[in-house]
C-alpha cells in the first residue's frame, strides 16, 4: 500500500521551483566550506540505520495532502492523535510496570506507586507464571518472584489487589500463554468483591504471535494459541466490554533487535491476523476492534520514534477502513501503551539510563501515546528499587507538568523532517506487510521463519555497528571510565519460594477437591470442542484450581510448542 498522490497538495509548483534554485545555491556554498572542513561523520543514520538527509524541505513531502495524510486530531486518519483534545483534555496514563516476589510484596509496591501519583496499575509476573507453571513445578525451581510476581492460585490474585480500587482504576497484566487463566482470576477477584465484570477496565497482553516471533514464552502451538485468544476476544466483547482483551505488542519485537519499521509492520500484521480470526469466529469487526490496544517500544532515535507512532495510527486506520471495511470510527483508533527501551539501558554508568529514559519518554509523548511506563535506571541489573521506580515516575511527571510539550497537539506535525520520516516508515512497513500477506498471513510467515530471521539480521547488524564503533553507546564504547558506580540492588529472599509453595499447598488442602476436578473436566470439554473456554475457566479458578492445573488442560489438548531453533 502506498501513500498515493492527491491533487490537493500542501505546496504549489512555484514553491518547488524556488526550493530548487535555493538548494543549488546552498549546496554550492556548502561544497566550498567542506573543501577545507569535512562533515564530522561520513554517514548520518537513524537507530534503524536509515540514512538522514542534511536538511528536509517541502520537496521531501511534495505529495503530502494535509487532509488525507495529516489531518486533525480525533479525525481520520488519526495521524495527529485519536482524541480531539489529546493531552489538553487528559494526560496519558502513567502506568509503571511492577512485580516482585510475592503477591503481598507487589501489592505494597502498587500502593506506593499509587500514593506517588501513578494513575494505572501494570503487573509483571515471574517466569513460572509467564510459562503457565506453579511454583512447585520442577521447571520453576529457583525462579519464584525473580522477574515479577508469583501467581499460583486465586488466593495470590486476591492478595495482589488487596485494598486497591479495581472498580475505579484500570489494570494492565503483561502475560501471554496463560493469559486467559490470569484474566479469569482477575474477573473472579472482582466478582468476589461484588463488582460486576461489565464495569472492570484494563488490558491483558494476550499476544502469542509476538511470542513466536520475539519474546519466546511458549505453551501451545500457534493455531490453538490463536483459538484461545479469539475466545477471550469473543468473551470480552460480550461480557467485559471495558476490557482490552489483546495488547498487540511491538515492544518485544523491538527489544529483540528489529528496526522501527519492522516493529511496526510485524505488530500490525499480528493485529491483522487476530482481526481475521475474530471475524472468522462470526464477530463483527466493529463489535471488537474498538477494544484492541497496542504496545510499542520507544527507542533512542527521537524523531524516528515520533514518526513511527504517527505512522502507526495512520496505517491502522487505513487497514481497518480499507481492508476490513470497518464503519465505526473507533475501530480505526490505534490506542497504544509505550514503554521506554529496555535494550537501550546499560549496566555501565547506569545513571546515564535516567537521561536515556527521559528522551525516550519525551518521544512517546510527542508521538501521542495513551499510557507510558518509564524504565528505572537499575532495570538492566535487577528488579527496580523503590527509589529508582520513583525517579522513573517523576520523569513522566516532569514532562507532563513542567516542559510545556502538552500545551499543543502533535507539536512536530508539519515538520518537513518528521512528515518525511512518517511517510518513509509507513511505506517500508506496508512493504513488509505485503510480503507477509504473500506468505498466507502471519501464521504462514512464522512457519517460514520470516519475521524471526528479519529481526535476527537487524539485531546482528546493529551489534556489529556498536562493536566496530560505527554507533556510539556512551559509557560502553565511548567515554568509558574505569570507575565503578555503586547502585543499590533489590534482591529477592530465597525463602520466598518455600513460603510460596507452602501457601499453594495450603490452598490445595483447604479447597473442595471434587469441585476442582469437575471444573477442570468442564474446561477440558470446552477446550476439546468449540465452546468458549472463559466461563469454565472462571469457574475453575473460583474453585481454586491452580494456574498450572488449568494450563495443563490446554497442554494436554493442544500439545506443547517447541521453538524449532532455526540457524
Protein backbone atom coordinates (compact mmCIF):
# COMPACT_ATOMS: atom_id res chain seq x y z
CA UNK A 1 0.00 0.00 0.00
CA UNK A 2 1.49 3.34 -0.99
CA UNK A 3 0.82 6.85 0.15
CA UNK A 4 -0.93 7.79 -3.05
CA UNK A 5 -0.86 11.19 -4.77
CA UNK A 6 -3.56 13.77 -4.30
CA UNK A 7 -4.31 16.79 -6.45
CA UNK A 8 -4.67 18.81 -3.23
CA UNK A 9 -1.06 19.19 -2.18
CA UNK A 10 0.23 21.32 0.67
CA UNK A 11 2.70 23.17 -1.59
CA UNK A 12 2.27 24.51 -5.12
CA UNK A 13 4.61 24.26 -8.11
CA UNK A 14 6.18 27.71 -7.54
CA UNK A 15 7.37 26.63 -4.08
CA UNK A 16 9.33 23.72 -5.55
CA UNK A 17 10.89 25.89 -8.25
CA UNK A 18 12.13 28.35 -5.61
CA UNK A 19 13.43 25.50 -3.45
CA UNK A 20 15.38 24.00 -6.34
CA UNK A 21 17.05 27.35 -7.05
CA UNK A 22 17.84 27.93 -3.38
CA UNK A 23 19.09 24.39 -2.88
CA UNK A 24 21.60 24.65 -5.75
CA UNK A 25 22.97 27.88 -4.28
CA UNK A 26 23.17 26.41 -0.76
CA UNK A 27 24.93 23.23 -1.92
CA UNK A 28 27.47 25.29 -3.82
CA UNK A 29 28.32 27.27 -0.70
CA UNK A 30 28.44 24.07 1.33
CA UNK A 31 30.97 22.46 -1.02
CA UNK A 32 33.28 25.43 -0.55
CA UNK A 33 33.01 25.14 3.24
CA UNK A 34 33.60 21.37 3.27
CA UNK A 35 36.56 21.59 0.91
CA UNK A 36 38.63 22.56 3.95
CA UNK A 37 36.45 21.27 6.80
CA UNK A 38 34.61 17.99 6.14
CA UNK A 39 31.44 16.97 8.00
CA UNK A 40 32.13 15.22 11.30
CA UNK A 41 30.72 11.87 10.15
CA UNK A 42 30.86 10.00 6.88
CA UNK A 43 27.28 8.86 7.27
CA UNK A 44 24.30 10.09 9.30
CA UNK A 45 21.60 7.49 10.02
CA UNK A 46 18.82 6.60 12.45
CA UNK A 47 18.99 3.85 15.07
CA UNK A 48 17.34 1.68 12.40
CA UNK A 49 20.24 2.58 10.08
CA UNK A 50 18.18 4.60 7.61
CA UNK A 51 20.17 7.48 6.11
CA UNK A 52 19.21 11.04 7.02
CA UNK A 53 19.50 13.98 4.62
CA UNK A 54 21.36 17.17 5.55
CA UNK A 55 18.11 19.13 5.55
CA UNK A 56 14.48 18.49 4.67
CA UNK A 57 12.32 20.83 2.61
CA UNK A 58 8.84 20.78 1.04
CA UNK A 59 10.45 18.76 -1.78
CA UNK A 60 10.67 15.78 0.61
CA UNK A 61 6.92 15.83 1.22
CA UNK A 62 5.82 17.04 -2.20
CA UNK A 63 2.92 14.58 -2.43
CA UNK A 64 1.64 15.32 1.08
CA UNK A 65 -2.08 16.02 1.21
CA UNK A 66 -2.96 17.68 4.51
CA UNK A 67 -6.44 16.22 4.86
CA UNK A 68 -5.52 12.72 3.63
CA UNK A 69 -2.15 12.26 5.32
CA UNK A 70 -2.03 14.64 8.30
CA UNK A 71 -5.46 15.96 9.19
CA UNK A 72 -6.74 16.87 12.63
CA UNK A 73 -6.61 15.08 15.99
CA UNK A 74 -9.56 12.75 16.51
CA UNK A 75 -10.29 12.62 12.76
CA UNK A 76 -9.31 10.05 10.13
CA UNK A 77 -6.52 9.06 9.51
CA UNK A 78 -5.63 9.90 13.16
CA UNK A 79 -2.00 10.73 12.31
CA UNK A 80 -2.13 13.51 14.91
CA UNK A 81 -3.92 11.51 17.62
CA UNK A 82 -7.09 9.55 18.28
CA UNK A 83 -8.63 12.08 20.68
CA UNK A 84 -9.64 15.58 19.54
CA UNK A 85 -8.11 17.29 22.58
CA UNK A 86 -5.27 14.82 23.34
CA UNK A 87 -3.26 15.93 26.41
CA UNK A 88 -5.10 19.26 26.70
CA UNK A 89 -8.11 17.17 27.71
CA UNK A 90 -6.38 14.40 29.66
CA UNK A 91 -2.78 13.40 30.25
CA UNK A 92 -1.56 9.93 29.33
CA UNK A 93 -1.94 7.21 31.97
CA UNK A 94 1.26 6.88 33.98
CA UNK A 95 1.35 3.11 34.28
CA UNK A 96 4.54 1.90 35.92
CA UNK A 97 5.32 -1.80 35.50
CA UNK A 98 5.62 -3.56 38.86
CA UNK A 99 6.01 -7.12 40.05
CA UNK A 100 8.38 -8.58 42.59
CA UNK A 101 8.46 -11.52 44.94
CA UNK A 102 5.15 -12.49 46.47
CA UNK A 103 1.71 -11.07 45.75
CA UNK A 104 1.83 -9.19 49.06
CA UNK A 105 5.23 -7.68 48.17
CA UNK A 106 3.90 -6.43 44.84
CA UNK A 107 0.73 -5.15 46.50
CA UNK A 108 2.92 -2.91 48.69
CA UNK A 109 4.71 -1.58 45.57
CA UNK A 110 1.34 -0.90 43.90
CA UNK A 111 0.17 1.10 46.91
CA UNK A 112 3.44 3.07 46.92
CA UNK A 113 3.17 3.95 43.24
CA UNK A 114 -0.48 4.98 43.53
CA UNK A 115 0.46 7.18 46.50
CA UNK A 116 3.25 8.76 44.40
CA UNK A 117 0.78 9.70 41.67
CA UNK A 118 0.61 6.69 39.35
CA UNK A 119 -2.74 6.57 37.54
CA UNK A 120 -2.90 2.92 36.40
CA UNK A 121 -1.61 -0.47 37.54
CA UNK A 122 0.72 -2.62 35.43
CA UNK A 123 1.65 -6.14 36.52
CA UNK A 124 4.83 -8.09 35.84
CA UNK A 125 4.76 -11.85 36.51
CA UNK A 126 7.61 -14.21 37.34
CA UNK A 127 8.87 -16.72 34.78
CA UNK A 128 6.95 -19.78 36.05
CA UNK A 129 3.70 -17.80 35.93
CA UNK A 130 4.54 -16.49 32.45
CA UNK A 131 5.02 -20.09 31.26
CA UNK A 132 1.91 -21.48 32.95
CA UNK A 133 3.59 -23.37 35.81
CA UNK A 134 3.07 -23.34 39.57
CA UNK A 135 5.95 -22.50 41.88
CA UNK A 136 6.36 -26.15 42.95
CA UNK A 137 6.87 -27.38 39.36
CA UNK A 138 10.29 -28.86 38.61
CA UNK A 139 10.76 -26.37 35.75
CA UNK A 140 10.05 -23.47 38.13
CA UNK A 141 12.80 -24.20 40.63
CA UNK A 142 14.81 -21.12 41.60
CA UNK A 143 12.65 -18.66 39.64
CA UNK A 144 9.95 -17.71 42.15
CA UNK A 145 9.41 -13.95 42.22
CA UNK A 146 12.67 -13.19 40.40
CA UNK A 147 11.38 -11.18 37.44
CA UNK A 148 7.87 -10.47 38.66
CA UNK A 149 5.15 -11.66 40.99
CA UNK A 150 4.34 -15.35 41.55
CA UNK A 151 0.70 -16.28 40.93
CA UNK A 152 -0.35 -19.89 41.56
CA UNK A 153 -3.98 -19.61 42.67
CA UNK A 154 -6.83 -17.17 43.10
CA UNK A 155 -5.57 -16.59 46.66
CA UNK A 156 -2.46 -14.94 45.21
CA UNK A 157 -4.54 -12.73 42.94
CA UNK A 158 -6.67 -11.69 45.91
CA UNK A 159 -3.52 -10.71 47.83
CA UNK A 160 -2.12 -8.88 44.80
CA UNK A 161 -5.03 -6.44 44.57
CA UNK A 162 -5.94 -6.22 48.25
CA UNK A 163 -7.10 -2.70 49.13
CA UNK A 164 -6.83 -1.40 45.56
CA UNK A 165 -9.92 0.12 43.88
CA UNK A 166 -10.09 -2.17 40.85
CA UNK A 167 -13.58 -0.85 40.11
CA UNK A 168 -12.10 2.64 39.57
CA UNK A 169 -8.51 2.06 38.39
CA UNK A 170 -7.50 0.18 35.24
CA UNK A 171 -5.06 -2.72 35.41
CA UNK A 172 -2.65 -3.98 32.78
CA UNK A 173 -1.29 -7.53 33.02
CA UNK A 174 1.72 -8.48 30.90
CA UNK A 175 1.23 -12.18 30.32
CA UNK A 176 0.70 -14.31 27.23
CA UNK A 177 0.44 -18.15 27.18
CA UNK A 178 -1.66 -18.35 30.40
CA UNK A 179 -3.40 -15.01 29.74
CA UNK A 180 -6.95 -16.48 29.76
CA UNK A 181 -6.28 -18.09 33.16
CA UNK A 182 -4.86 -14.96 34.78
CA UNK A 183 -7.67 -12.83 33.34
CA UNK A 184 -10.20 -15.34 34.71
CA UNK A 185 -8.60 -14.90 38.15
CA UNK A 186 -8.89 -11.10 37.92
CA UNK A 187 -12.56 -11.36 36.94
CA UNK A 188 -13.09 -13.77 39.85
CA UNK A 189 -11.46 -11.32 42.30
CA UNK A 190 -13.79 -8.56 41.11
CA UNK A 191 -16.90 -10.73 41.35
CA UNK A 192 -15.97 -11.96 44.83
CA UNK A 193 -15.93 -8.28 45.84
CA UNK A 194 -19.36 -7.75 44.32
CA UNK A 195 -18.04 -5.85 41.29
CA UNK A 196 -19.86 -6.56 38.01
CA UNK A 197 -17.46 -7.86 35.33
CA UNK A 198 -19.03 -5.41 32.89
CA UNK A 199 -17.61 -2.48 34.86
CA UNK A 200 -13.96 -3.50 35.28
CA UNK A 201 -11.40 -2.00 32.93
CA UNK A 202 -7.88 -2.85 31.90
CA UNK A 203 -5.71 -4.71 29.44
CA UNK A 204 -4.26 -8.18 29.21
CA UNK A 205 -1.37 -8.58 26.79
CA UNK A 206 -2.51 -11.95 25.43
CA UNK A 207 -0.42 -11.63 22.24
CA UNK A 208 1.03 -15.03 21.40
CA UNK A 209 2.08 -14.30 17.83
CA UNK A 210 4.77 -11.92 19.01
CA UNK A 211 5.94 -14.63 21.42
CA UNK A 212 6.69 -16.94 18.49
CA UNK A 213 8.42 -14.04 16.74
CA UNK A 214 10.41 -12.48 19.56
CA UNK A 215 9.89 -12.95 23.29
CA UNK A 216 9.71 -16.77 23.32
CA UNK A 217 7.46 -17.68 26.24
CA UNK A 218 5.56 -20.69 24.90
CA UNK A 219 2.81 -23.08 25.87
CA UNK A 220 0.75 -24.34 22.92
CA UNK A 221 1.42 -24.21 19.14
CA UNK A 222 0.39 -21.13 17.12
CA UNK A 223 -3.03 -22.20 15.81
CA UNK A 224 -4.57 -23.29 19.15
CA UNK A 225 -2.94 -20.26 20.78
CA UNK A 226 -4.86 -18.01 18.39
CA UNK A 227 -8.03 -20.02 19.17
CA UNK A 228 -7.63 -19.23 22.90
CA UNK A 229 -7.01 -15.56 22.14
CA UNK A 230 -10.14 -15.48 19.98
CA UNK A 231 -12.10 -16.97 22.89
CA UNK A 232 -11.00 -14.06 25.09
CA UNK A 233 -11.90 -11.52 22.39
CA UNK A 234 -15.36 -13.07 21.98
CA UNK A 235 -15.97 -13.27 25.73
CA UNK A 236 -14.68 -9.76 26.37
CA UNK A 237 -16.83 -8.29 23.61
CA UNK A 238 -19.96 -9.79 25.15
CA UNK A 239 -19.22 -9.89 28.88
CA UNK A 240 -16.38 -7.48 29.80
CA UNK A 241 -16.89 -4.55 27.41
CA UNK A 242 -14.44 -2.15 29.10
CA UNK A 243 -11.53 -4.58 28.84
CA UNK A 244 -8.84 -4.59 26.14
CA UNK A 245 -8.51 -8.32 25.53
CA UNK A 246 -5.32 -8.01 23.47
CA UNK A 247 -2.41 -5.61 23.69
CA UNK A 248 -0.82 -6.24 20.31
CA UNK A 249 2.81 -5.82 21.15
CA UNK A 250 5.68 -4.45 19.15
CA UNK A 251 7.70 -3.77 22.27
CA UNK A 252 9.34 -7.19 22.48
CA UNK A 253 9.88 -7.29 18.72
CA UNK A 254 11.97 -4.12 19.05
CA UNK A 255 13.73 -5.42 22.16
CA UNK A 256 14.76 -8.48 20.12
CA UNK A 257 16.56 -6.19 17.68
CA UNK A 258 14.13 -5.13 14.95
CA UNK A 259 14.16 -1.79 13.16
CA UNK A 260 11.39 0.74 13.76
CA UNK A 261 9.63 -0.19 10.51
CA UNK A 262 9.89 -3.92 11.28
CA UNK A 263 8.43 -3.35 14.75
CA UNK A 264 5.52 -1.52 13.20
CA UNK A 265 4.96 -3.98 10.34
CA UNK A 266 5.12 -7.17 12.40
CA UNK A 267 2.90 -5.68 15.11
CA UNK A 268 0.20 -4.56 12.69
CA UNK A 269 0.44 -7.87 10.81
CA UNK A 270 -0.28 -9.62 14.13
CA UNK A 271 -3.27 -7.30 14.56
CA UNK A 272 -4.50 -8.24 11.10
CA UNK A 273 -4.25 -11.95 12.00
CA UNK A 274 -6.24 -11.51 15.23
CA UNK A 275 -8.86 -9.42 13.46
CA UNK A 276 -9.28 -12.07 10.75
CA UNK A 277 -9.58 -14.85 13.35
CA UNK A 278 -12.32 -12.96 15.22
CA UNK A 279 -14.23 -12.28 12.01
CA UNK A 280 -14.00 -15.97 11.09
CA UNK A 281 -15.45 -16.75 14.55
CA UNK A 282 -18.51 -14.77 13.47
CA UNK A 283 -17.86 -11.46 15.22
CA UNK A 284 -18.47 -8.15 13.50
CA UNK A 285 -15.28 -6.09 13.25
CA UNK A 286 -16.95 -3.04 14.78
CA UNK A 287 -18.01 -5.06 17.82
CA UNK A 288 -14.48 -5.99 18.90
CA UNK A 289 -11.89 -3.84 17.11
CA UNK A 290 -12.52 -0.73 19.27
CA UNK A 291 -11.18 -2.72 22.26
CA UNK A 292 -7.92 -3.73 20.59
CA UNK A 293 -4.95 -1.90 22.02
CA UNK A 294 -1.28 -1.79 21.09
CA UNK A 295 2.06 -1.68 22.90
CA UNK A 296 5.15 -0.09 21.40
CA UNK A 297 8.77 0.47 22.27
CA UNK A 298 10.20 3.99 22.44
CA UNK A 299 13.84 3.77 21.43
CA UNK A 300 16.61 6.36 21.44
CA UNK A 301 16.24 7.92 17.99
CA UNK A 302 13.86 10.70 18.98
CA UNK A 303 12.48 11.74 15.60
CA UNK A 304 12.29 8.22 14.19
CA UNK A 305 10.18 7.15 17.16
CA UNK A 306 7.82 10.11 16.88
CA UNK A 307 7.40 9.35 13.18
CA UNK A 308 6.79 5.66 13.94
CA UNK A 309 3.94 6.42 16.34
CA UNK A 310 2.31 8.82 13.88
CA UNK A 311 2.66 6.29 11.05
CA UNK A 312 1.20 3.53 13.24
CA UNK A 313 -2.04 5.43 13.76
CA UNK A 314 -2.41 6.25 10.08
CA UNK A 315 -1.67 2.68 9.00
CA UNK A 316 -4.12 1.02 11.40
CA UNK A 317 -6.86 3.46 10.40
CA UNK A 318 -6.30 2.57 6.74
CA UNK A 319 -6.16 -1.17 7.47
CA UNK A 320 -9.46 -1.06 9.37
CA UNK A 321 -11.23 1.10 6.80
CA UNK A 322 -9.88 -0.35 3.56
CA UNK A 323 -9.08 -3.97 4.42
CA UNK A 324 -11.77 -4.84 6.97
CA UNK A 325 -14.45 -2.29 5.92
CA UNK A 326 -14.94 -1.10 9.50
CA UNK A 327 -17.66 1.52 9.83
CA UNK A 328 -17.26 2.57 13.47
CA UNK A 329 -14.53 5.26 13.62
CA UNK A 330 -13.31 3.79 16.94
CA UNK A 331 -12.31 0.59 15.13
CA UNK A 332 -9.58 2.60 13.43
CA UNK A 333 -8.28 4.19 16.63
CA UNK A 334 -4.83 2.82 17.34
CA UNK A 335 -4.64 3.33 21.10
CA UNK A 336 -1.27 2.36 22.48
CA UNK A 337 0.82 1.99 25.60
CA UNK A 338 4.52 2.74 25.40
CA UNK A 339 7.49 1.52 27.37
CA UNK A 340 10.91 3.07 27.06
CA UNK A 341 13.55 0.80 25.53
CA UNK A 342 14.95 -1.71 27.98
CA UNK A 343 17.53 -2.75 25.38
CA UNK A 344 18.98 0.77 25.40
CA UNK A 345 19.86 0.63 29.10
CA UNK A 346 23.44 -0.12 30.07
CA UNK A 347 24.99 -1.72 33.15
CA UNK A 348 27.99 0.58 32.62
CA UNK A 349 27.49 4.07 34.05
CA UNK A 350 23.87 3.22 34.96
CA UNK A 351 22.88 6.78 35.89
CA UNK A 352 23.10 7.61 32.17
CA UNK A 353 19.95 5.50 31.90
CA UNK A 354 17.93 8.29 33.54
CA UNK A 355 18.77 10.53 30.58
CA UNK A 356 18.07 7.81 28.01
CA UNK A 357 14.69 7.08 29.57
CA UNK A 358 13.76 10.77 29.68
CA UNK A 359 14.47 11.21 25.95
CA UNK A 360 12.54 8.06 25.06
CA UNK A 361 9.61 9.09 27.24
CA UNK A 362 9.53 12.52 25.59
CA UNK A 363 9.42 10.87 22.16
CA UNK A 364 6.46 8.74 23.26
CA UNK A 365 4.61 11.84 24.49
CA UNK A 366 5.41 13.83 21.35
CA UNK A 367 4.15 10.81 19.38
CA UNK A 368 0.82 10.80 21.24
CA UNK A 369 0.88 7.71 23.48
CA UNK A 370 -2.15 6.88 25.66
CA UNK A 371 -0.14 5.42 28.54
CA UNK A 372 3.52 5.16 29.43
CA UNK A 373 5.96 3.15 31.52
CA UNK A 374 9.38 4.66 32.10
CA UNK A 375 12.19 2.22 32.82
CA UNK A 376 14.19 2.61 36.00
CA UNK A 377 17.93 3.22 35.88
CA UNK A 378 18.66 -0.14 37.55
CA UNK A 379 16.37 -2.39 35.46
CA UNK A 380 19.33 -3.69 33.47
CA UNK A 381 20.70 -5.04 36.77
CA UNK A 382 17.67 -6.21 38.77
CA UNK A 383 14.06 -5.52 39.71
CA UNK A 384 13.92 -1.75 40.35
CA UNK A 385 14.27 -0.39 43.86
CA UNK A 386 11.57 1.92 45.22
CA UNK A 387 13.88 4.93 44.77
CA UNK A 388 14.68 4.08 41.14
CA UNK A 389 11.00 3.43 40.33
CA UNK A 390 10.04 6.77 41.87
CA UNK A 391 12.65 8.62 39.76
CA UNK A 392 11.25 6.92 36.66
CA UNK A 393 7.72 8.01 37.56
CA UNK A 394 8.91 11.54 38.34
CA UNK A 395 10.43 11.64 34.83
CA UNK A 396 6.92 11.38 33.38
CA UNK A 397 5.54 13.93 35.81
CA UNK A 398 8.24 16.48 34.93
CA UNK A 399 7.49 16.02 31.21
CA UNK A 400 3.76 16.42 31.88
CA UNK A 401 3.87 19.32 34.32
CA UNK A 402 7.00 21.35 33.56
CA UNK A 403 8.13 21.15 29.94
CA UNK A 404 5.14 22.64 28.11
CA UNK A 405 5.08 19.88 25.50
CA UNK A 406 1.45 19.04 26.31
CA UNK A 407 0.20 22.55 25.54
CA UNK A 408 -0.42 21.87 21.86
CA UNK A 409 -1.35 18.72 19.97
CA UNK A 410 1.18 16.95 17.74
CA UNK A 411 3.72 19.79 18.04
CA UNK A 412 6.03 18.23 15.41
CA UNK A 413 3.28 17.86 12.83
CA UNK A 414 4.15 19.73 9.66
CA UNK A 415 7.89 19.40 10.18
CA UNK A 416 9.42 18.55 6.81
CA UNK A 417 11.69 16.02 8.53
CA UNK A 418 9.04 14.36 10.71
CA UNK A 419 6.44 14.18 7.94
CA UNK A 420 9.02 12.69 5.55
CA UNK A 421 10.06 10.13 8.17
CA UNK A 422 6.41 9.28 8.89
CA UNK A 423 5.87 8.61 5.19
CA UNK A 424 9.09 6.59 4.89
CA UNK A 425 8.29 4.32 7.84
CA UNK A 426 4.73 3.78 6.63
CA UNK A 427 5.87 2.83 3.13
CA UNK A 428 8.57 0.47 4.44
CA UNK A 429 6.18 -1.16 6.91
CA UNK A 430 3.45 -1.71 4.31
CA UNK A 431 6.01 -3.36 2.00
CA UNK A 432 6.77 -5.86 4.79
CA UNK A 433 3.05 -6.48 5.43
CA UNK A 434 2.57 -7.15 1.70
CA UNK A 435 5.31 -9.81 1.87
CA UNK A 436 3.60 -11.38 4.90
CA UNK A 437 0.29 -11.45 3.01
CA UNK A 438 2.01 -13.30 0.17
CA UNK A 439 3.06 -15.97 2.72
CA UNK A 440 -0.54 -16.51 3.77
CA UNK A 441 -0.55 -14.12 6.73
CA UNK A 442 1.39 -14.02 9.95
CA UNK A 443 0.91 -17.70 10.86
CA UNK A 444 2.36 -18.68 7.49
CA UNK A 445 5.20 -16.19 7.87
CA UNK A 446 6.07 -17.57 11.31
CA UNK A 447 6.13 -21.11 9.93
CA UNK A 448 8.55 -19.88 7.24
CA UNK A 449 10.69 -18.19 9.93
CA UNK A 450 10.40 -14.88 8.08
CA UNK A 451 9.92 -12.37 10.93
CA UNK A 452 12.32 -14.25 13.20
CA UNK A 453 15.12 -14.12 10.61
CA UNK A 454 14.50 -10.47 9.72
CA UNK A 455 14.74 -9.46 13.38
CA UNK A 456 17.87 -11.57 13.92
CA UNK A 457 19.56 -9.97 10.90
CA UNK A 458 18.70 -6.46 12.09
CA UNK A 459 19.95 -7.21 15.62
CA UNK A 460 23.22 -8.62 14.29
CA UNK A 461 23.75 -5.57 12.07
CA UNK A 462 23.14 -3.17 14.98
CA UNK A 463 25.52 -5.03 17.29
CA UNK A 464 28.26 -5.05 14.63
CA UNK A 465 27.93 -1.29 14.33
CA UNK A 466 28.46 -0.95 18.08
CA UNK A 467 31.37 -3.39 18.12
CA UNK A 468 33.05 -1.54 15.24
CA UNK A 469 32.32 1.84 16.88
CA UNK A 470 30.23 2.98 13.94
CA UNK A 471 27.49 3.68 16.50
CA UNK A 472 28.17 5.27 19.88
CA UNK A 473 26.86 3.93 23.17
CA UNK A 474 28.01 6.35 25.85
CA UNK A 475 29.92 4.60 28.61
CA UNK A 476 30.19 1.36 26.62
CA UNK A 477 32.27 2.04 23.50
CA UNK A 478 32.97 5.75 24.06
CA UNK A 479 33.58 7.92 27.13
CA UNK A 480 34.44 4.76 29.04
CA UNK A 481 35.74 5.04 32.61
CA UNK A 482 37.26 2.53 34.99
CA UNK A 483 35.26 3.87 37.91
CA UNK A 484 32.61 1.52 39.30
CA UNK A 485 29.42 3.34 40.19
CA UNK A 486 27.62 1.70 43.11
CA UNK A 487 23.92 1.06 42.56
CA UNK A 488 21.64 -0.42 45.19
CA UNK A 489 20.24 -3.76 44.01
CA UNK A 490 16.91 -5.18 45.11
CA UNK A 491 17.38 -8.85 45.97
CA UNK A 492 14.57 -11.40 46.36
CA UNK A 493 14.77 -13.51 49.52
CA UNK A 494 15.44 -17.15 48.60
CA UNK A 495 12.99 -18.17 51.34
CA UNK A 496 10.17 -16.81 49.18
CA UNK A 497 9.98 -19.98 47.07
CA UNK A 498 9.46 -22.21 50.13
CA UNK A 499 6.82 -19.85 51.55
CA UNK A 500 5.00 -19.65 48.21
CA UNK A 501 4.92 -23.45 47.85
CA UNK A 502 3.61 -23.77 51.41
CA UNK A 503 0.88 -21.24 50.64
CA UNK A 504 -0.17 -23.06 47.46
CA UNK A 505 -0.21 -26.43 49.22
CA UNK A 506 -2.35 -24.93 51.98
CA UNK A 507 -4.87 -23.67 49.40
CA UNK A 508 -4.95 -27.12 47.77
CA UNK A 509 -5.58 -28.83 51.11
CA UNK A 510 -8.45 -26.49 52.00
CA UNK A 511 -10.30 -26.46 48.66
CA UNK A 512 -13.05 -28.92 47.66
CA UNK A 513 -11.20 -31.50 45.52
CA UNK A 514 -14.35 -32.81 43.84
CA UNK A 515 -15.41 -29.30 42.80
CA UNK A 516 -11.96 -28.64 41.33
CA UNK A 517 -11.95 -31.93 39.45
CA UNK A 518 -15.40 -31.27 38.00
CA UNK A 519 -14.45 -27.74 36.94
CA UNK A 520 -11.30 -28.95 35.18
CA UNK A 521 -13.29 -31.65 33.36
CA UNK A 522 -15.67 -28.98 32.06
CA UNK A 523 -12.69 -26.89 30.98
CA UNK A 524 -11.29 -29.87 29.09
CA UNK A 525 -14.64 -30.44 27.36
CA UNK A 526 -14.70 -26.81 26.25
CA UNK A 527 -11.09 -26.91 25.02
CA UNK A 528 -11.64 -30.09 23.02
CA UNK A 529 -14.81 -28.75 21.40
CA UNK A 530 -15.92 -25.39 20.11
CA UNK A 531 -17.23 -23.94 23.39
CA UNK A 532 -15.62 -20.72 24.62
CA UNK A 533 -13.22 -21.63 27.44
CA UNK A 534 -13.68 -18.48 29.53
CA UNK A 535 -16.79 -19.46 31.55
CA UNK A 536 -15.37 -22.85 32.61
CA UNK A 537 -12.03 -21.13 33.31
CA UNK A 538 -13.65 -18.62 35.66
CA UNK A 539 -15.46 -21.46 37.43
CA UNK A 540 -12.21 -23.43 37.71
CA UNK A 541 -10.19 -20.62 39.27
CA UNK A 542 -13.06 -19.79 41.64
CA UNK A 543 -12.75 -23.36 42.90
CA UNK A 544 -9.04 -22.57 43.46
CA UNK A 545 -7.72 -24.73 40.66
CA UNK A 546 -4.12 -23.66 40.18
CA UNK A 547 -2.65 -21.83 37.21
CA UNK A 548 -0.74 -24.93 36.12
CA UNK A 549 -3.74 -27.23 36.51
CA UNK A 550 -5.66 -25.04 34.07
CA UNK A 551 -2.74 -24.68 31.67
CA UNK A 552 -2.09 -28.43 31.77
CA UNK A 553 -5.58 -28.90 30.32
CA UNK A 554 -4.53 -26.83 27.31
CA UNK A 555 -1.16 -28.57 27.03
CA UNK A 556 -2.89 -31.96 27.10
CA UNK A 557 -5.45 -30.96 24.48
CA UNK A 558 -3.28 -28.94 22.09
CA UNK A 559 0.25 -30.15 22.72
CA UNK A 560 3.31 -28.10 23.67
CA UNK A 561 5.22 -25.84 21.32
CA UNK A 562 8.98 -26.16 20.91
CA UNK A 563 10.94 -23.43 19.18
CA UNK A 564 12.41 -25.01 16.02
CA UNK A 565 15.69 -23.15 16.65
CA UNK A 566 16.49 -22.39 13.01
CA UNK A 567 20.01 -21.07 12.43
